[in-house]
Every structure is written in C-alpha cells, then in structure tokens.
Amino acid sequence: MNRLTLLLAATACLFMSGLLYTLERIATFTRWNAQIATGTFSSEPMFVDVLLQNVFISIFGVAAIVLFFMAGNAVQPTTTTKTGTADL
C-alpha cells in the first residue's frame, strides 16, 4: 500500500470513529431527555463511558492511529536513473 492509500484509510477510520461516538452521544441525550419528560428519571443524567460500551469506536480509533503511523513511515518510490544529466 502506498502513502496515499494509507492516509485515506486512516482518515476513513478516524471519521467512522467520530461518527459512531457522536451517534452514541446523541442516543444517550435523547434517551435522557425522554426519561425526563416522562418523569421516570432523576434530574441528573447518568452518563456512561461511550468509548467502553461500543467497542467499534475504539477499534476504528486505534486502526486510524496505526494507519497514520504506517503512512508516516511509508517509503516513497524513487528513481535510480539520473535524468537530464550528461555522461561525464
């Protein structure tokens, strides 16, 4: 895999991790607001750690970090012939 492919894969993993985290937070707030409206919940929200509940957020996050490091260490192909120089 070349550097561009690794960077695109890392960006996609980072995007998916952020998207899943945001959707989990929206679901938590929506549920809390619904319980407040019905009077079945206390006045303080009981938030749980979303990162530990949904394992895919952590998997995508770690994969993004690993892919970014792999892209940073990827070797760019170089040409071994000298173009435009005369034989001396």
PDB file of N, CA and C in Angstrom:
ATOM      1  N   MET A   1       0.850  -1.178   0.000  1.00  0.00           N
ATOM      2  CA  MET A   1       0.000   0.000   0.000  1.00  0.00           C
ATOM      3  C   MET A   1       0.894   1.240   0.000  1.00  0.00           C
ATOM      4  N   ASN A   2       0.498   2.218  -0.792  1.00  0.00           N
ATOM      5  CA  ASN A   2       1.297   3.431  -0.825  1.00  0.00           C
ATOM      6  C   ASN A   2       0.803   4.416   0.240  1.00  0.00           C
ATOM      7  N   ARG A   3       1.495   5.527   0.333  1.00  0.00           N
ATOM      8  CA  ARG A   3       1.213   6.502   1.387  1.00  0.00           C
ATOM      9  C   ARG A   3      -0.188   7.090   1.263  1.00  0.00           C
ATOM     10  N   LEU A   4      -0.618   7.394   0.051  1.00  0.00           N
ATOM     11  CA  LEU A   4      -1.942   7.991  -0.138  1.00  0.00           C
ATOM     12  C   LEU A   4      -3.049   7.036   0.287  1.00  0.00           C
ATOM     13  N   THR A   5      -2.920   5.771  -0.052  1.00  0.00           N
ATOM     14  CA  THR A   5      -3.923   4.778   0.329  1.00  0.00           C
ATOM     15  C   THR A   5      -3.995   4.631   1.848  1.00  0.00           C
ATOM     16  N   LEU A   6      -2.832   4.627   2.503  1.00  0.00           N
ATOM     17  CA  LEU A   6      -2.810   4.528   3.965  1.00  0.00           C
ATOM     18  C   LEU A   6      -3.444   5.760   4.610  1.00  0.00           C
ATOM     19  N   LEU A   7      -3.160   6.927   4.070  1.00  0.00           N
ATOM     20  CA  LEU A   7      -3.753   8.145   4.624  1.00  0.00           C
ATOM     21  C   LEU A   7      -5.264   8.173   4.432  1.00  0.00           C
ATOM     22  N   LEU A   8      -5.735   7.718   3.282  1.00  0.00           N
ATOM     23  CA  LEU A   8      -7.182   7.672   3.054  1.00  0.00           C
ATOM     24  C   LEU A   8      -7.866   6.669   3.984  1.00  0.00           C
ATOM     25  N   ALA A   9      -7.243   5.522   4.181  1.00  0.00           N
ATOM     26  CA  ALA A   9      -7.815   4.520   5.082  1.00  0.00           C
ATOM     27  C   ALA A   9      -7.824   5.028   6.526  1.00  0.00           C
ATOM     28  N   ALA A  10      -6.757   5.695   6.931  1.00  0.00           N
ATOM     29  CA  ALA A  10      -6.694   6.243   8.290  1.00  0.00           C
ATOM     30  C   ALA A  10      -7.742   7.329   8.486  1.00  0.00           C
ATOM     31  N   THR A  11      -7.927   8.177   7.485  1.00  0.00           N
ATOM     32  CA  THR A  11      -8.933   9.230   7.580  1.00  0.00           C
ATOM     33  C   THR A  11     -10.337   8.634   7.651  1.00  0.00           C
ATOM     34  N   ALA A  12     -10.589   7.593   6.880  1.00  0.00           N
ATOM     35  CA  ALA A  12     -11.903   6.934   6.914  1.00  0.00           C
ATOM     36  C   ALA A  12     -12.156   6.304   8.290  1.00  0.00           C
ATOM     37  N   CYS A  13     -11.144   5.666   8.852  1.00  0.00           N
ATOM     38  CA  CYS A  13     -11.300   5.067  10.186  1.00  0.00           C
ATOM     39  C   CYS A  13     -11.538   6.132  11.249  1.00  0.00           C
ATOM     40  N   LEU A  14     -10.810   7.238  11.159  1.00  0.00           N
ATOM     41  CA  LEU A  14     -10.992   8.326  12.116  1.00  0.00           C
ATOM     42  C   LEU A  14     -12.385   8.934  11.982  1.00  0.00           C
ATOM     43  N   PHE A  15     -12.860   9.097  10.755  1.00  0.00           N
ATOM     44  CA  PHE A  15     -14.203   9.619  10.517  1.00  0.00           C
ATOM     45  C   PHE A  15     -15.264   8.679  11.096  1.00  0.00           C
ATOM     46  N   MET A  16     -15.113   7.383  10.866  1.00  0.00           N
ATOM     47  CA  MET A  16     -16.090   6.409  11.376  1.00  0.00           C
ATOM     48  C   MET A  16     -16.108   6.394  12.907  1.00  0.00           C
ATOM     49  N   SER A  17     -14.931   6.493  13.508  1.00  0.00           N
ATOM     50  CA  SER A  17     -14.855   6.520  14.962  1.00  0.00           C
ATOM     51  C   SER A  17     -15.574   7.748  15.516  1.00  0.00           C
ATOM     52  N   GLY A  18     -15.340   8.898  14.918  1.00  0.00           N
ATOM     53  CA  GLY A  18     -16.012  10.119  15.362  1.00  0.00           C
ATOM     54  C   GLY A  18     -17.508  10.084  15.127  1.00  0.00           C
ATOM     55  N   LEU A  19     -17.913   9.535  13.997  1.00  0.00           N
ATOM     56  CA  LEU A  19     -19.333   9.433  13.691  1.00  0.00           C
ATOM     57  C   LEU A  19     -20.053   8.513  14.686  1.00  0.00           C
ATOM     58  N   LEU A  20     -19.470   7.359  14.968  1.00  0.00           N
ATOM     59  CA  LEU A  20     -20.087   6.442  15.930  1.00  0.00           C
ATOM     60  C   LEU A  20     -20.156   7.062  17.321  1.00  0.00           C
ATOM     61  N   TYR A  21     -19.102   7.772  17.726  1.00  0.00           N
ATOM     62  CA  TYR A  21     -19.102   8.426  19.037  1.00  0.00           C
ATOM     63  C   TYR A  21     -20.210   9.471  19.112  1.00  0.00           C
ATOM     64  N   THR A  22     -20.353  10.266  18.051  1.00  0.00           N
ATOM     65  CA  THR A  22     -21.377  11.302  18.026  1.00  0.00           C
ATOM     66  C   THR A  22     -22.781  10.693  18.069  1.00  0.00           C
ATOM     67  N   LEU A  23     -23.005   9.639  17.304  1.00  0.00           N
ATOM     68  CA  LEU A  23     -24.317   8.990  17.309  1.00  0.00           C
ATOM     69  C   LEU A  23     -24.641   8.381  18.670  1.00  0.00           C
ATOM     70  N   GLU A  24     -23.643   7.812  19.342  1.00  0.00           N
ATOM     71  CA  GLU A  24     -23.872   7.257  20.678  1.00  0.00           C
ATOM     72  C   GLU A  24     -24.225   8.354  21.674  1.00  0.00           C
ATOM     73  N   ARG A  25     -23.544   9.498  21.575  1.00  0.00           N
ATOM     74  CA  ARG A  25     -23.849  10.606  22.479  1.00  0.00           C
ATOM     75  C   ARG A  25     -25.258  11.158  22.211  1.00  0.00           C
ATOM     76  N   ILE A  26     -25.636  11.259  20.955  1.00  0.00           N
ATOM     77  CA  ILE A  26     -26.983  11.726  20.621  1.00  0.00           C
ATOM     78  C   ILE A  26     -28.031  10.770  21.177  1.00  0.00           C
ATOM     79  N   ALA A  27     -27.790   9.476  21.051  1.00  0.00           N
ATOM     80  CA  ALA A  27     -28.738   8.485  21.579  1.00  0.00           C
ATOM     81  C   ALA A  27     -28.845   8.586  23.102  1.00  0.00           C
ATOM     82  N   THR A  28     -27.724   8.821  23.776  1.00  0.00           N
ATOM     83  CA  THR A  28     -27.735   8.934  25.238  1.00  0.00           C
ATOM     84  C   THR A  28     -28.531  10.166  25.675  1.00  0.00           C
ATOM     85  N   PHE A  29     -28.279  11.308  25.027  1.00  0.00           N
ATOM     86  CA  PHE A  29     -29.005  12.523  25.384  1.00  0.00           C
ATOM     87  C   PHE A  29     -30.493  12.408  25.055  1.00  0.00           C
ATOM     88  N   THR A  30     -30.818  11.779  23.936  1.00  0.00           N
ATOM     89  CA  THR A  30     -32.215  11.621  23.557  1.00  0.00           C
ATOM     90  C   THR A  30     -32.958  10.758  24.569  1.00  0.00           C
ATOM     91  N   ARG A  31     -32.318   9.685  24.984  1.00  0.00           N
ATOM     92  CA  ARG A  31     -32.953   8.806  25.977  1.00  0.00           C
ATOM     93  C   ARG A  31     -33.134   9.530  27.303  1.00  0.00           C
ATOM     94  N   TRP A  32     -32.130  10.287  27.719  1.00  0.00           N
ATOM     95  CA  TRP A  32     -32.230  11.031  28.973  1.00  0.00           C
ATOM     96  C   TRP A  32     -33.344  12.075  28.902  1.00  0.00           C
ATOM     97  N   ASN A  33     -33.431  12.797  27.771  1.00  0.00           N
ATOM     98  CA  ASN A  33     -34.485  13.799  27.615  1.00  0.00           C
ATOM     99  C   ASN A  33     -35.867  13.152  27.610  1.00  0.00           C
ATOM    100  N   ALA A  34     -36.008  11.977  27.011  1.00  0.00           N
ATOM    101  CA  ALA A  34     -37.298  11.280  27.003  1.00  0.00           C
ATOM    102  C   ALA A  34     -37.669  10.827  28.412  1.00  0.00           C
ATOM    103  N   GLN A  35     -36.701  10.390  29.183  1.00  0.00           N
ATOM    104  CA  GLN A  35     -36.992   9.958  30.552  1.00  0.00           C
ATOM    105  C   GLN A  35     -37.308  11.140  31.462  1.00  0.00           C
ATOM    106  N   ILE A  36     -36.690  12.270  31.216  1.00  0.00           N
ATOM    107  CA  ILE A  36     -37.010  13.463  31.987  1.00  0.00           C
ATOM    108  C   ILE A  36     -38.444  13.914  31.689  1.00  0.00           C
ATOM    109  N   ALA A  37     -38.832  13.836  30.422  1.00  0.00           N
ATOM    110  CA  ALA A  37     -40.181  14.274  30.035  1.00  0.00           C
ATOM    111  C   ALA A  37     -41.261  13.410  30.668  1.00  0.00           C
ATOM    112  N   THR A  38     -40.988  12.121  30.871  1.00  0.00           N
ATOM    113  CA  THR A  38     -41.987  11.232  31.467  1.00  0.00           C
ATOM    114  C   THR A  38     -41.903  11.210  32.989  1.00  0.00           C
ATOM    115  N   GLY A  39     -40.846  11.786  33.548  1.00  0.00           N
ATOM    116  CA  GLY A  39     -40.711  11.842  34.999  1.00  0.00           C
ATOM    117  C   GLY A  39     -40.180  10.561  35.608  1.00  0.00           C
ATOM    118  N   THR A  40     -39.583   9.699  34.839  1.00  0.00           N
ATOM    119  CA  THR A  40     -39.096   8.431  35.371  1.00  0.00           C
ATOM    120  C   THR A  40     -37.584   8.451  35.634  1.00  0.00           C
ATOM    121  N   PHE A  41     -36.964   9.604  35.532  1.00  0.00           N
ATOM    122  CA  PHE A  41     -35.520   9.673  35.689  1.00  0.00           C
ATOM    123  C   PHE A  41     -35.178  10.803  36.637  1.00  0.00           C
ATOM    124  N   SER A  42     -34.049  10.700  37.293  1.00  0.00           N
ATOM    125  CA  SER A  42     -33.629  11.764  38.200  1.00  0.00           C
ATOM    126  C   SER A  42     -33.232  13.005  37.403  1.00  0.00           C
ATOM    127  N   SER A  43     -32.995  14.095  38.100  1.00  0.00           N
ATOM    128  CA  SER A  43     -32.687  15.347  37.417  1.00  0.00           C
ATOM    129  C   SER A  43     -31.266  15.355  36.856  1.00  0.00           C
ATOM    130  N   GLU A  44     -30.393  14.535  37.366  1.00  0.00           N
ATOM    131  CA  GLU A  44     -29.020  14.463  36.871  1.00  0.00           C
ATOM    132  C   GLU A  44     -28.888  13.295  35.887  1.00  0.00           C
ATOM    133  N   PRO A  45     -28.300  13.540  34.721  1.00  0.00           N
ATOM    134  CA  PRO A  45     -28.118  12.432  33.776  1.00  0.00           C
ATOM    135  C   PRO A  45     -27.031  11.481  34.248  1.00  0.00           C
ATOM    136  N   MET A  46     -27.246  10.214  34.023  1.00  0.00           N
ATOM    137  CA  MET A  46     -26.245   9.222  34.376  1.00  0.00           C
ATOM    138  C   MET A  46     -25.569   8.778  33.087  1.00  0.00           C
ATOM    139  N   PHE A  47     -24.448   9.417  32.786  1.00  0.00           N
ATOM    140  CA  PHE A  47     -23.752   9.135  31.547  1.00  0.00           C
ATOM    141  C   PHE A  47     -22.765   8.001  31.755  1.00  0.00           C
ATOM    142  N   VAL A  48     -22.721   7.132  30.824  1.00  0.00           N
ATOM    143  CA  VAL A  48     -21.763   6.046  30.839  1.00  0.00           C
ATOM    144  C   VAL A  48     -20.685   6.351  29.812  1.00  0.00           C
ATOM    145  N   ASP A  49     -19.563   5.728  29.967  1.00  0.00           N
ATOM    146  CA  ASP A  49     -18.466   5.963  29.041  1.00  0.00           C
ATOM    147  C   ASP A  49     -18.774   5.284  27.713  1.00  0.00           C
ATOM    148  N   VAL A  50     -18.996   6.088  26.703  1.00  0.00           N
ATOM    149  CA  VAL A  50     -19.365   5.570  25.388  1.00  0.00           C
ATOM    150  C   VAL A  50     -18.201   4.807  24.769  1.00  0.00           C
ATOM    151  N   LEU A  51     -16.979   5.220  25.071  1.00  0.00           N
ATOM    152  CA  LEU A  51     -15.817   4.552  24.487  1.00  0.00           C
ATOM    153  C   LEU A  51     -15.694   3.103  24.942  1.00  0.00           C
ATOM    154  N   LEU A  52     -16.135   2.814  26.149  1.00  0.00           N
ATOM    155  CA  LEU A  52     -16.044   1.446  26.647  1.00  0.00           C
ATOM    156  C   LEU A  52     -17.258   0.606  26.262  1.00  0.00           C
ATOM    157  N   GLN A  53     -18.385   1.250  26.032  1.00  0.00           N
ATOM    158  CA  GLN A  53     -19.588   0.493  25.675  1.00  0.00           C
ATOM    159  C   GLN A  53     -19.549   0.006  24.238  1.00  0.00           C
ATOM    160  N   ASN A  54     -19.173   0.870  23.320  1.00  0.00           N
ATOM    161  CA  ASN A  54     -19.152   0.494  21.911  1.00  0.00           C
ATOM    162  C   ASN A  54     -17.710   0.220  21.510  1.00  0.00           C
ATOM    163  N   VAL A  55     -17.383  -1.035  21.327  1.00  0.00           N
ATOM    164  CA  VAL A  55     -16.003  -1.437  21.053  1.00  0.00           C
ATOM    165  C   VAL A  55     -15.553  -0.989  19.666  1.00  0.00           C
ATOM    166  N   PHE A  56     -16.477  -0.747  18.757  1.00  0.00           N
ATOM    167  CA  PHE A  56     -16.112  -0.337  17.400  1.00  0.00           C
ATOM    168  C   PHE A  56     -15.492   1.056  17.370  1.00  0.00           C
ATOM    169  N   ILE A  57     -15.886   1.923  18.303  1.00  0.00           N
ATOM    170  CA  ILE A  57     -15.279   3.254  18.374  1.00  0.00           C
ATOM    171  C   ILE A  57     -13.793   3.115  18.681  1.00  0.00           C
ATOM    172  N   SER A  58     -13.461   2.268  19.635  1.00  0.00           N
ATOM    173  CA  SER A  58     -12.057   2.059  19.994  1.00  0.00           C
ATOM    174  C   SER A  58     -11.291   1.362  18.875  1.00  0.00           C
ATOM    175  N   ILE A  59     -11.924   0.388  18.229  1.00  0.00           N
ATOM    176  CA  ILE A  59     -11.245  -0.331  17.143  1.00  0.00           C
ATOM    177  C   ILE A  59     -10.915   0.619  15.998  1.00  0.00           C
ATOM    178  N   PHE A  60     -11.893   1.434  15.587  1.00  0.00           N
ATOM    179  CA  PHE A  60     -11.637   2.377  14.497  1.00  0.00           C
ATOM    180  C   PHE A  60     -10.607   3.430  14.908  1.00  0.00           C
ATOM    181  N   GLY A  61     -10.644   3.865  16.157  1.00  0.00           N
ATOM    182  CA  GLY A  61      -9.681   4.853  16.625  1.00  0.00           C
ATOM    183  C   GLY A  61      -8.261   4.322  16.624  1.00  0.00           C
ATOM    184  N   VAL A  62      -8.078   3.115  17.135  1.00  0.00           N
ATOM    185  CA  VAL A  62      -6.745   2.505  17.152  1.00  0.00           C
ATOM    186  C   VAL A  62      -6.271   2.213  15.731  1.00  0.00           C
ATOM    187  N   ALA A  63      -7.169   1.747  14.880  1.00  0.00           N
ATOM    188  CA  ALA A  63      -6.799   1.480  13.492  1.00  0.00           C
ATOM    189  C   ALA A  63      -6.366   2.761  12.789  1.00  0.00           C
ATOM    190  N   ALA A  64      -7.032   3.875  13.075  1.00  0.00           N
ATOM    191  CA  ALA A  64      -6.651   5.156  12.468  1.00  0.00           C
ATOM    192  C   ALA A  64      -5.264   5.578  12.917  1.00  0.00           C
ATOM    193  N   ILE A  65      -4.968   5.423  14.194  1.00  0.00           N
ATOM    194  CA  ILE A  65      -3.641   5.796  14.696  1.00  0.00           C
ATOM    195  C   ILE A  65      -2.563   4.932  14.061  1.00  0.00           C
ATOM    196  N   VAL A  66      -2.804   3.632  13.993  1.00  0.00           N
ATOM    197  CA  VAL A  66      -1.818   2.721  13.399  1.00  0.00           C
ATOM    198  C   VAL A  66      -1.609   3.048  11.923  1.00  0.00           C
ATOM    199  N   LEU A  67      -2.693   3.297  11.201  1.00  0.00           N
ATOM    200  CA  LEU A  67      -2.567   3.604   9.776  1.00  0.00           C
ATOM    201  C   LEU A  67      -1.864   4.936   9.545  1.00  0.00           C
ATOM    202  N   PHE A  68      -2.089   5.927  10.406  1.00  0.00           N
ATOM    203  CA  PHE A  68      -1.372   7.197  10.264  1.00  0.00           C
ATOM    204  C   PHE A  68       0.124   7.003  10.478  1.00  0.00           C
ATOM    205  N   PHE A  69       0.498   6.182  11.465  1.00  0.00           N
ATOM    206  CA  PHE A  69       1.919   5.902  11.682  1.00  0.00           C
ATOM    207  C   PHE A  69       2.513   5.121  10.511  1.00  0.00           C
ATOM    208  N   MET A  70       1.748   4.181   9.985  1.00  0.00           N
ATOM    209  CA  MET A  70       2.242   3.432   8.827  1.00  0.00           C
ATOM    210  C   MET A  70       2.422   4.345   7.618  1.00  0.00           C
ATOM    211  N   ALA A  71       1.516   5.306   7.440  1.00  0.00           N
ATOM    212  CA  ALA A  71       1.643   6.247   6.326  1.00  0.00           C
ATOM    213  C   ALA A  71       2.847   7.153   6.517  1.00  0.00           C
ATOM    214  N   GLY A  72       3.128   7.508   7.762  1.00  0.00           N
ATOM    215  CA  GLY A  72       4.301   8.339   8.025  1.00  0.00           C
ATOM    216  C   GLY A  72       5.597   7.619   7.769  1.00  0.00           C
ATOM    217  N   ASN A  73       5.606   6.308   7.937  1.00  0.00           N
ATOM    218  CA  ASN A  73       6.818   5.514   7.730  1.00  0.00           C
ATOM    219  C   ASN A  73       6.904   4.906   6.340  1.00  0.00           C
ATOM    220  N   ALA A  74       5.894   5.135   5.509  1.00  0.00           N
ATOM    221  CA  ALA A  74       5.905   4.561   4.159  1.00  0.00           C
ATOM    222  C   ALA A  74       7.009   5.215   3.335  1.00  0.00           C
ATOM    223  N   VAL A  75       7.676   4.403   2.554  1.00  0.00           N
ATOM    224  CA  VAL A  75       8.781   4.882   1.728  1.00  0.00           C
ATOM    225  C   VAL A  75       8.236   5.247   0.362  1.00  0.00           C
ATOM    226  N   GLN A  76       8.576   6.436  -0.081  1.00  0.00           N
ATOM    227  CA  GLN A  76       8.166   6.870  -1.403  1.00  0.00           C
ATOM    228  C   GLN A  76       9.107   6.255  -2.434  1.00  0.00           C
ATOM    229  N   PRO A  77       8.582   5.757  -3.538  1.00  0.00           N
ATOM    230  CA  PRO A  77       9.464   5.196  -4.568  1.00  0.00           C
ATOM    231  C   PRO A  77      10.306   6.300  -5.206  1.00  0.00           C
ATOM    232  N   THR A  78      11.570   6.007  -5.396  1.00  0.00           N
ATOM    233  CA  THR A  78      12.469   6.974  -6.021  1.00  0.00           C
ATOM    234  C   THR A  78      13.047   6.362  -7.284  1.00  0.00           C
ATOM    235  N   THR A  79      13.463   7.217  -8.180  1.00  0.00           N
ATOM    236  CA  THR A  79      14.087   6.735  -9.411  1.00  0.00           C
ATOM    237  C   THR A  79      15.588   6.643  -9.198  1.00  0.00           C
ATOM    238  N   THR A  80      16.182   5.628  -9.772  1.00  0.00           N
ATOM    239  CA  THR A  80      17.620   5.450  -9.607  1.00  0.00           C
ATOM    240  C   THR A  80      18.406   6.018 -10.776  1.00  0.00           C
ATOM    241  N   THR A  81      17.739   6.333 -11.871  1.00  0.00           N
ATOM    242  CA  THR A  81      18.437   6.889 -13.019  1.00  0.00           C
ATOM    243  C   THR A  81      18.463   8.395 -12.921  1.00  0.00           C
ATOM    244  N   LYS A  82      19.549   8.959 -13.355  1.00  0.00           N
ATOM    245  CA  LYS A  82      19.679  10.407 -13.359  1.00  0.00           C
ATOM    246  C   LYS A  82      19.220  10.920 -14.708  1.00  0.00           C
ATOM    247  N   THR A  83      18.129  11.631 -14.699  1.00  0.00           N
ATOM    248  CA  THR A  83      17.588  12.131 -15.957  1.00  0.00           C
ATOM    249  C   THR A  83      18.085  13.541 -16.178  1.00  0.00           C
ATOM    250  N   GLY A  84      18.377  13.847 -17.400  1.00  0.00           N
ATOM    251  CA  GLY A  84      18.780  15.199 -17.749  1.00  0.00           C
ATOM    252  C   GLY A  84      20.241  15.500 -17.500  1.00  0.00           C
ATOM    253  N   THR A  85      21.036  14.511 -17.195  1.00  0.00           N
ATOM    254  CA  THR A  85      22.467  14.752 -16.979  1.00  0.00           C
ATOM    255  C   THR A  85      23.254  14.091 -18.103  1.00  0.00           C
ATOM    256  N   ALA A  86      24.359  14.667 -18.420  1.00  0.00           N
ATOM    257  CA  ALA A  86      25.220  14.109 -19.463  1.00  0.00           C
ATOM    258  C   ALA A  86      26.199  13.135 -18.842  1.00  0.00           C
ATOM    259  N   ASP A  87      26.588  12.150 -19.612  1.00  0.00           N
ATOM    260  CA  ASP A  87      27.590  11.194 -19.124  1.00  0.00           C
ATOM    261  C   ASP A  87      28.937  11.912 -19.039  1.00  0.00           C
ATOM    262  N   LEU A  88      29.532  11.862 -17.898  1.00  0.00           N
ATOM    263  CA  LEU A  88      30.843  12.502 -17.729  1.00  0.00           C
ATOM    264  C   LEU A  88      31.954  11.508 -17.704  1.00  0.00           C
TER     265      LEU A  88
END
